[in-house]
Amino acid sequence: MELFGIKLGTAAIVALGTGALLLGAAGVGLKAASKLQEVVSSAVEVKGAERDAHWQGEIDKANAKVAKAQENQAKAVLEIQADATDRVNAASQQLEEVRRRNAALSNGTDPGLAADRVGLLPK
């Protein structure tokens, strides 16, 4: 057989055929490897998106928990402040009442505490 003006023997033809088959197989292999790479990349992207969505959900849950705790804490602070204001007002009223009652007592010349003044002391 002759190829491009060169006479080829059976071994050369077999070698060229084998080379062509190997070259073709390499091309198919490269195409398959490329396709496999695309599939793997796609799977990685999908899994990454799933993972991100999962953790975003976990973060959202944690943020909601914190927001609820802060809301409860703010309510508790308001209740404590209201109670403290009520107590301060009650104590101020009691003090004013004791001062009014003390002012109503006579100042007399007794250097000690009279029984009516002792009655004004807190018990």
Protein backbone atom coordinates (compact mmCIF):
# COMPACT_ATOMS: atom_id res chain seq x y z
CA MET A 1 0.00 0.00 0.00
CA GLU A 2 1.11 3.52 -0.73
CA LEU A 3 0.33 6.65 1.28
CA PHE A 4 1.41 10.11 0.08
CA GLY A 5 3.81 8.46 -2.28
CA ILE A 6 5.39 6.36 0.46
CA LYS A 7 5.24 2.62 0.27
CA LEU A 8 4.02 1.18 3.55
CA GLY A 9 4.29 -2.35 4.85
CA THR A 10 1.69 -4.22 6.84
CA ALA A 11 3.33 -3.31 10.15
CA ALA A 12 3.29 0.38 9.27
CA ILE A 13 -0.37 0.22 8.28
CA VAL A 14 -1.22 -1.54 11.54
CA ALA A 15 0.83 1.04 13.46
CA LEU A 16 -0.91 3.93 11.69
CA GLY A 17 -4.32 2.32 12.28
CA THR A 18 -3.51 1.73 15.90
CA GLY A 19 -2.26 5.29 16.25
CA ALA A 20 -5.45 6.62 14.67
CA LEU A 21 -7.54 4.48 17.01
CA LEU A 22 -5.54 5.65 20.02
CA LEU A 23 -5.85 9.24 18.88
CA GLY A 24 -9.59 8.81 18.48
CA ALA A 25 -9.85 7.10 21.86
CA ALA A 26 -7.87 9.94 23.45
CA GLY A 27 -10.25 12.46 21.90
CA VAL A 28 -13.26 10.56 23.21
CA GLY A 29 -11.55 10.28 26.61
CA LEU A 30 -10.89 14.01 26.72
CA LYS A 31 -14.50 14.73 25.77
CA ALA A 32 -15.71 12.34 28.50
CA ALA A 33 -13.36 13.92 31.05
CA SER A 34 -14.64 17.36 30.09
CA LYS A 35 -18.25 16.21 30.47
CA LEU A 36 -17.43 14.59 33.82
CA GLN A 37 -15.82 17.84 34.97
CA GLU A 38 -19.01 19.73 34.04
CA VAL A 39 -21.16 17.24 35.97
CA VAL A 40 -18.92 17.46 39.04
CA SER A 41 -18.86 21.27 38.91
CA SER A 42 -22.64 21.37 38.62
CA ALA A 43 -23.03 19.00 41.58
CA VAL A 44 -20.63 21.11 43.65
CA GLU A 45 -22.62 24.27 42.88
CA VAL A 46 -25.91 22.59 43.80
CA LYS A 47 -24.53 21.22 47.07
CA GLY A 48 -22.98 24.61 47.88
CA ALA A 49 -26.30 26.34 47.33
CA GLU A 50 -28.08 23.76 49.51
CA ARG A 51 -25.49 24.18 52.26
CA ASP A 52 -25.74 27.98 52.09
CA ALA A 53 -29.54 27.82 52.26
CA HIS A 54 -29.38 25.47 55.26
CA TRP A 55 -26.99 27.66 57.22
CA GLN A 56 -28.88 30.83 56.29
CA GLY A 57 -31.96 29.19 57.78
CA GLU A 58 -30.04 28.35 60.95
CA ILE A 59 -28.78 31.93 61.17
CA ASP A 60 -32.32 33.25 60.70
CA LYS A 61 -33.58 30.97 63.50
CA ALA A 62 -30.81 32.15 65.84
CA ASN A 63 -31.49 35.80 64.99
CA ALA A 64 -35.21 35.31 65.69
CA LYS A 65 -34.37 33.74 69.06
CA VAL A 66 -32.11 36.66 69.97
CA ALA A 67 -34.73 39.20 68.88
CA LYS A 68 -37.37 37.46 71.04
CA ALA A 69 -35.00 37.39 74.02
CA GLN A 70 -34.25 41.10 73.57
CA GLU A 71 -37.97 41.87 73.35
CA ASN A 72 -38.64 39.90 76.55
CA GLN A 73 -35.75 41.63 78.28
CA ALA A 74 -37.04 45.07 77.24
CA LYS A 75 -40.49 44.20 78.61
CA ALA A 76 -38.94 43.05 81.89
CA VAL A 77 -36.96 46.29 82.15
CA LEU A 78 -40.12 48.35 81.62
CA GLU A 79 -41.94 46.36 84.30
CA ILE A 80 -39.05 46.80 86.74
CA GLN A 81 -38.90 50.53 86.01
CA ALA A 82 -42.65 50.89 86.53
CA ASP A 83 -42.45 48.98 89.83
CA ALA A 84 -39.48 51.07 90.99
CA THR A 85 -41.32 54.28 90.09
CA ASP A 86 -44.36 53.13 92.04
CA ARG A 87 -42.22 52.29 95.08
CA VAL A 88 -40.39 55.62 94.95
CA ASN A 89 -43.69 57.49 94.68
CA ALA A 90 -45.15 55.52 97.62
CA ALA A 91 -42.03 56.19 99.72
CA SER A 92 -42.17 59.90 98.85
CA GLN A 93 -45.83 60.07 99.88
CA GLN A 94 -45.03 58.31 103.16
CA LEU A 95 -42.16 60.72 103.82
CA GLU A 96 -44.40 63.72 103.14
CA GLU A 97 -47.05 62.28 105.48
CA VAL A 98 -44.47 61.79 108.26
CA ARG A 99 -43.14 65.33 107.74
CA ARG A 100 -46.67 66.73 107.83
CA ARG A 101 -47.48 64.83 111.05
CA ASN A 102 -44.14 65.87 112.60
CA ALA A 103 -44.78 69.52 111.77
CA ALA A 104 -48.17 69.28 113.44
CA LEU A 105 -46.61 68.20 116.75
CA SER A 106 -45.67 70.85 119.27
CA ASN A 107 -42.00 71.69 119.71
CA GLY A 108 -42.19 71.88 123.53
CA THR A 109 -39.13 72.13 125.75
CA ASP A 110 -38.69 68.38 126.18
CA PRO A 111 -35.11 67.54 125.08
CA GLY A 112 -35.94 63.83 124.49
CA LEU A 113 -38.30 62.11 122.17
CA ALA A 114 -41.90 62.36 123.14
CA ALA A 115 -44.18 59.36 122.63
CA ASP A 116 -46.02 61.01 119.78
CA ARG A 117 -42.70 61.65 117.95
CA VAL A 118 -41.52 58.08 118.59
CA GLY A 119 -44.71 56.95 116.88
CA LEU A 120 -43.51 58.65 113.69
CA LEU A 121 -40.35 56.50 113.50
CA PRO A 122 -40.40 53.61 111.02
CA LYS A 123 -41.14 50.27 112.57
